């Protein structure tokens, strides 16, 4: 067991963990492997490190690398969420402007947006009013008048 707590033991452990990442993809094993390799370099540069310090250093590096990766991936996922509306025509309608082309009843009308007409709901809508989409609920657009 003594061989594990020198620089080449940490290096072997690091490469074993990196190889495991190829077999069992999970992202975190990779960061543990890189932590072990970095610790191998530190043990090689600073030879008289106790076993407790080495294990604590490995654990600390693994946690820090894992948290940095998680924070990076989490922020990237949030950025990707902004673009989910690109494939959803209804959500991409928010902010679009159109014209009321038909009055139906009780604030319900049909509005023309681009080359398509949609069922719209708004207050005091009149034929020819220019409107802007505020919210989408299924196939109904909730609009407000644009002055």
C-alpha atoms as a PDB file:
ATOM      1  CA  UNK A   1       0.000   0.000   0.000  1.00  0.00           C
ATOM      2  CA  UNK A   2       3.023   2.229   0.435  1.00  0.00           C
ATOM      3  CA  UNK A   3       3.436   2.465  -3.361  1.00  0.00           C
ATOM      4  CA  UNK A   4       0.107   4.308  -3.706  1.00  0.00           C
ATOM      5  CA  UNK A   5       1.274   7.257  -1.661  1.00  0.00           C
ATOM      6  CA  UNK A   6       4.189   8.294  -3.848  1.00  0.00           C
ATOM      7  CA  UNK A   7       4.026  10.219  -7.094  1.00  0.00           C
ATOM      8  CA  UNK A   8       3.920   7.210  -9.428  1.00  0.00           C
ATOM      9  CA  UNK A   9       1.083   5.607  -7.418  1.00  0.00           C
ATOM     10  CA  UNK A  10      -1.036   8.745  -7.817  1.00  0.00           C
ATOM     11  CA  UNK A  11      -0.125   8.867 -11.510  1.00  0.00           C
ATOM     12  CA  UNK A  12      -1.259   5.253 -12.015  1.00  0.00           C
ATOM     13  CA  UNK A  13      -4.475   5.934 -10.100  1.00  0.00           C
ATOM     14  CA  UNK A  14      -5.094   9.015 -12.269  1.00  0.00           C
ATOM     15  CA  UNK A  15      -4.708   7.092 -15.509  1.00  0.00           C
ATOM     16  CA  UNK A  16      -6.863   4.222 -14.209  1.00  0.00           C
ATOM     17  CA  UNK A  17      -9.624   6.721 -13.340  1.00  0.00           C
ATOM     18  CA  UNK A  18      -9.324   8.337 -16.781  1.00  0.00           C
ATOM     19  CA  UNK A  19      -9.587   4.907 -18.400  1.00  0.00           C
ATOM     20  CA  UNK A  20     -12.679   4.183 -16.292  1.00  0.00           C
ATOM     21  CA  UNK A  21     -14.219   7.388 -17.636  1.00  0.00           C
ATOM     22  CA  UNK A  22     -13.975   5.873 -21.120  1.00  0.00           C
ATOM     23  CA  UNK A  23     -15.720   2.692 -19.984  1.00  0.00           C
ATOM     24  CA  UNK A  24     -18.230   4.253 -17.546  1.00  0.00           C
ATOM     25  CA  UNK A  25     -18.934   7.760 -18.851  1.00  0.00           C
ATOM     26  CA  UNK A  26     -20.031   9.997 -16.021  1.00  0.00           C
ATOM     27  CA  UNK A  27     -17.800  13.066 -16.311  1.00  0.00           C
ATOM     28  CA  UNK A  28     -16.907  13.136 -12.600  1.00  0.00           C
ATOM     29  CA  UNK A  29     -14.509  10.191 -12.786  1.00  0.00           C
ATOM     30  CA  UNK A  30     -12.479  12.225 -15.278  1.00  0.00           C
ATOM     31  CA  UNK A  31     -12.078  15.064 -12.779  1.00  0.00           C
ATOM     32  CA  UNK A  32     -11.001  12.617 -10.081  1.00  0.00           C
ATOM     33  CA  UNK A  33      -8.416  11.207 -12.493  1.00  0.00           C
ATOM     34  CA  UNK A  34      -7.091  14.656 -13.302  1.00  0.00           C
ATOM     35  CA  UNK A  35      -6.963  15.399  -9.557  1.00  0.00           C
ATOM     36  CA  UNK A  36      -4.845  12.289  -8.985  1.00  0.00           C
ATOM     37  CA  UNK A  37      -2.488  13.263 -11.840  1.00  0.00           C
ATOM     38  CA  UNK A  38      -2.130  16.809 -10.473  1.00  0.00           C
ATOM     39  CA  UNK A  39      -1.485  15.385  -7.017  1.00  0.00           C
ATOM     40  CA  UNK A  40       1.203  13.114  -8.519  1.00  0.00           C
ATOM     41  CA  UNK A  41       2.941  16.224  -9.853  1.00  0.00           C
ATOM     42  CA  UNK A  42       2.655  17.937  -6.456  1.00  0.00           C
ATOM     43  CA  UNK A  43       4.020  14.878  -4.603  1.00  0.00           C
ATOM     44  CA  UNK A  44       6.894  14.708  -7.075  1.00  0.00           C
ATOM     45  CA  UNK A  45       7.680  18.425  -6.607  1.00  0.00           C
ATOM     46  CA  UNK A  46       7.154  18.458  -2.818  1.00  0.00           C
ATOM     47  CA  UNK A  47       8.413  14.998  -1.730  1.00  0.00           C
ATOM     48  CA  UNK A  48       7.845  14.925   2.062  1.00  0.00           C
ATOM     49  CA  UNK A  49       4.008  14.992   2.069  1.00  0.00           C
ATOM     50  CA  UNK A  50       2.238  12.830   4.645  1.00  0.00           C
ATOM     51  CA  UNK A  51      -0.398  10.306   3.638  1.00  0.00           C
ATOM     52  CA  UNK A  52      -3.127  12.374   5.319  1.00  0.00           C
ATOM     53  CA  UNK A  53      -2.165  15.490   3.392  1.00  0.00           C
ATOM     54  CA  UNK A  54      -2.059  13.534   0.131  1.00  0.00           C
ATOM     55  CA  UNK A  55      -5.519  12.032   0.632  1.00  0.00           C
ATOM     56  CA  UNK A  56      -6.948  15.377   1.769  1.00  0.00           C
ATOM     57  CA  UNK A  57      -5.345  17.092  -1.204  1.00  0.00           C
ATOM     58  CA  UNK A  58      -6.803  14.519  -3.596  1.00  0.00           C
ATOM     59  CA  UNK A  59     -10.267  14.893  -2.076  1.00  0.00           C
ATOM     60  CA  UNK A  60     -10.057  18.690  -2.168  1.00  0.00           C
ATOM     61  CA  UNK A  61      -8.853  18.773  -5.785  1.00  0.00           C
ATOM     62  CA  UNK A  62     -11.546  16.296  -6.857  1.00  0.00           C
ATOM     63  CA  UNK A  63     -14.263  18.371  -5.180  1.00  0.00           C
ATOM     64  CA  UNK A  64     -12.965  21.652  -6.609  1.00  0.00           C
ATOM     65  CA  UNK A  65     -12.648  20.276 -10.160  1.00  0.00           C
ATOM     66  CA  UNK A  66     -16.091  18.651  -9.948  1.00  0.00           C
ATOM     67  CA  UNK A  67     -17.735  21.847  -8.663  1.00  0.00           C
ATOM     68  CA  UNK A  68     -16.065  23.989 -11.321  1.00  0.00           C
ATOM     69  CA  UNK A  69     -17.266  21.579 -14.010  1.00  0.00           C
ATOM     70  CA  UNK A  70     -20.791  21.482 -12.543  1.00  0.00           C
ATOM     71  CA  UNK A  71     -20.977  25.293 -12.404  1.00  0.00           C
ATOM     72  CA  UNK A  72     -19.728  25.598 -15.992  1.00  0.00           C
ATOM     73  CA  UNK A  73     -22.142  22.951 -17.269  1.00  0.00           C
ATOM     74  CA  UNK A  74     -25.052  24.424 -15.297  1.00  0.00           C
ATOM     75  CA  UNK A  75     -24.502  27.892 -16.794  1.00  0.00           C
ATOM     76  CA  UNK A  76     -24.170  26.365 -20.259  1.00  0.00           C
ATOM     77  CA  UNK A  77     -27.457  24.497 -19.787  1.00  0.00           C
ATOM     78  CA  UNK A  78     -29.173  27.748 -18.780  1.00  0.00           C
ATOM     79  CA  UNK A  79     -27.870  29.410 -21.962  1.00  0.00           C
ATOM     80  CA  UNK A  80     -29.196  26.499 -24.031  1.00  0.00           C
ATOM     81  CA  UNK A  81     -32.639  26.952 -22.426  1.00  0.00           C
ATOM     82  CA  UNK A  82     -32.822  30.426 -23.972  1.00  0.00           C
ATOM     83  CA  UNK A  83     -32.795  28.877 -27.442  1.00  0.00           C
ATOM     84  CA  UNK A  84     -35.468  26.225 -26.896  1.00  0.00           C
ATOM     85  CA  UNK A  85     -38.098  28.623 -28.226  1.00  0.00           C
ATOM     86  CA  UNK A  86     -36.409  28.564 -31.628  1.00  0.00           C
ATOM     87  CA  UNK A  87     -38.120  25.259 -32.386  1.00  0.00           C
ATOM     88  CA  UNK A  88     -41.428  26.326 -30.841  1.00  0.00           C
ATOM     89  CA  UNK A  89     -43.310  28.564 -33.242  1.00  0.00           C
ATOM     90  CA  UNK A  90     -45.802  29.596 -30.589  1.00  0.00           C
ATOM     91  CA  UNK A  91     -43.153  30.841 -28.159  1.00  0.00           C
ATOM     92  CA  UNK A  92     -41.311  32.642 -30.929  1.00  0.00           C
ATOM     93  CA  UNK A  93     -44.511  34.647 -31.505  1.00  0.00           C
ATOM     94  CA  UNK A  94     -44.026  36.642 -28.294  1.00  0.00           C
ATOM     95  CA  UNK A  95     -43.229  40.242 -29.206  1.00  0.00           C
ATOM     96  CA  UNK A  96     -44.413  39.906 -32.811  1.00  0.00           C
ATOM     97  CA  UNK A  97     -46.753  42.518 -34.199  1.00  0.00           C
ATOM     98  CA  UNK A  98     -49.763  41.902 -36.371  1.00  0.00           C
ATOM     99  CA  UNK A  99     -53.085  43.362 -37.495  1.00  0.00           C
ATOM    100  CA  UNK A 100     -56.641  42.471 -36.442  1.00  0.00           C
ATOM    101  CA  UNK A 101     -58.425  41.125 -39.533  1.00  0.00           C
ATOM    102  CA  UNK A 102     -61.673  39.807 -38.029  1.00  0.00           C
ATOM    103  CA  UNK A 103     -63.652  40.536 -34.865  1.00  0.00           C
ATOM    104  CA  UNK A 104     -65.346  37.483 -33.348  1.00  0.00           C
ATOM    105  CA  UNK A 105     -66.882  38.102 -29.871  1.00  0.00           C
ATOM    106  CA  UNK A 106     -66.059  39.314 -26.318  1.00  0.00           C
ATOM    107  CA  UNK A 107     -62.506  40.481 -27.015  1.00  0.00           C
ATOM    108  CA  UNK A 108     -61.748  37.496 -29.228  1.00  0.00           C
ATOM    109  CA  UNK A 109     -60.620  38.194 -32.769  1.00  0.00           C
ATOM    110  CA  UNK A 110     -58.372  36.896 -35.541  1.00  0.00           C
ATOM    111  CA  UNK A 111     -55.062  38.571 -36.097  1.00  0.00           C
ATOM    112  CA  UNK A 112     -52.751  38.280 -39.049  1.00  0.00           C
ATOM    113  CA  UNK A 113     -49.088  37.713 -38.181  1.00  0.00           C
ATOM    114  CA  UNK A 114     -46.929  37.265 -41.223  1.00  0.00           C
ATOM    115  CA  UNK A 115     -48.839  35.007 -43.595  1.00  0.00           C
ATOM    116  CA  UNK A 116     -50.908  33.238 -40.917  1.00  0.00           C
ATOM    117  CA  UNK A 117     -53.974  34.221 -38.926  1.00  0.00           C
ATOM    118  CA  UNK A 118     -54.247  33.368 -35.238  1.00  0.00           C
ATOM    119  CA  UNK A 119     -56.984  33.471 -32.629  1.00  0.00           C
ATOM    120  CA  UNK A 120     -56.218  36.483 -30.436  1.00  0.00           C
ATOM    121  CA  UNK A 121     -57.600  37.794 -27.168  1.00  0.00           C
ATOM    122  CA  UNK A 122     -57.268  41.390 -26.092  1.00  0.00           C
ATOM    123  CA  UNK A 123     -59.258  44.291 -24.728  1.00  0.00           C
ATOM    124  CA  UNK A 124     -61.179  46.667 -27.013  1.00  0.00           C
ATOM    125  CA  UNK A 125     -59.934  45.205 -30.286  1.00  0.00           C
ATOM    126  CA  UNK A 126     -61.167  46.734 -33.532  1.00  0.00           C
ATOM    127  CA  UNK A 127     -60.698  45.810 -37.160  1.00  0.00           C
ATOM    128  CA  UNK A 128     -57.334  47.103 -38.424  1.00  0.00           C
ATOM    129  CA  UNK A 129     -55.795  47.566 -34.932  1.00  0.00           C
ATOM    130  CA  UNK A 130     -52.064  46.937 -34.765  1.00  0.00           C
ATOM    131  CA  UNK A 131     -51.341  44.502 -31.884  1.00  0.00           C
ATOM    132  CA  UNK A 132     -48.338  42.899 -30.202  1.00  0.00           C
ATOM    133  CA  UNK A 133     -48.230  39.388 -28.719  1.00  0.00           C
ATOM    134  CA  UNK A 134     -47.667  39.325 -24.945  1.00  0.00           C
ATOM    135  CA  UNK A 135     -48.370  35.682 -24.140  1.00  0.00           C
ATOM    136  CA  UNK A 136     -49.202  32.420 -25.903  1.00  0.00           C
ATOM    137  CA  UNK A 137     -51.569  29.741 -24.613  1.00  0.00           C
ATOM    138  CA  UNK A 138     -51.878  26.846 -27.049  1.00  0.00           C
ATOM    139  CA  UNK A 139     -53.205  28.356 -30.284  1.00  0.00           C
ATOM    140  CA  UNK A 140     -54.427  31.576 -28.660  1.00  0.00           C
ATOM    141  CA  UNK A 141     -52.325  34.718 -28.622  1.00  0.00           C
ATOM    142  CA  UNK A 142     -52.896  37.287 -25.902  1.00  0.00           C
ATOM    143  CA  UNK A 143     -52.263  40.708 -27.389  1.00  0.00           C
ATOM    144  CA  UNK A 144     -52.193  44.386 -26.530  1.00  0.00           C
ATOM    145  CA  UNK A 145     -52.746  47.311 -28.861  1.00  0.00           C
ATOM    146  CA  UNK A 146     -49.716  49.088 -30.254  1.00  0.00           C
ATOM    147  CA  UNK A 147     -50.046  52.825 -30.631  1.00  0.00           C
END
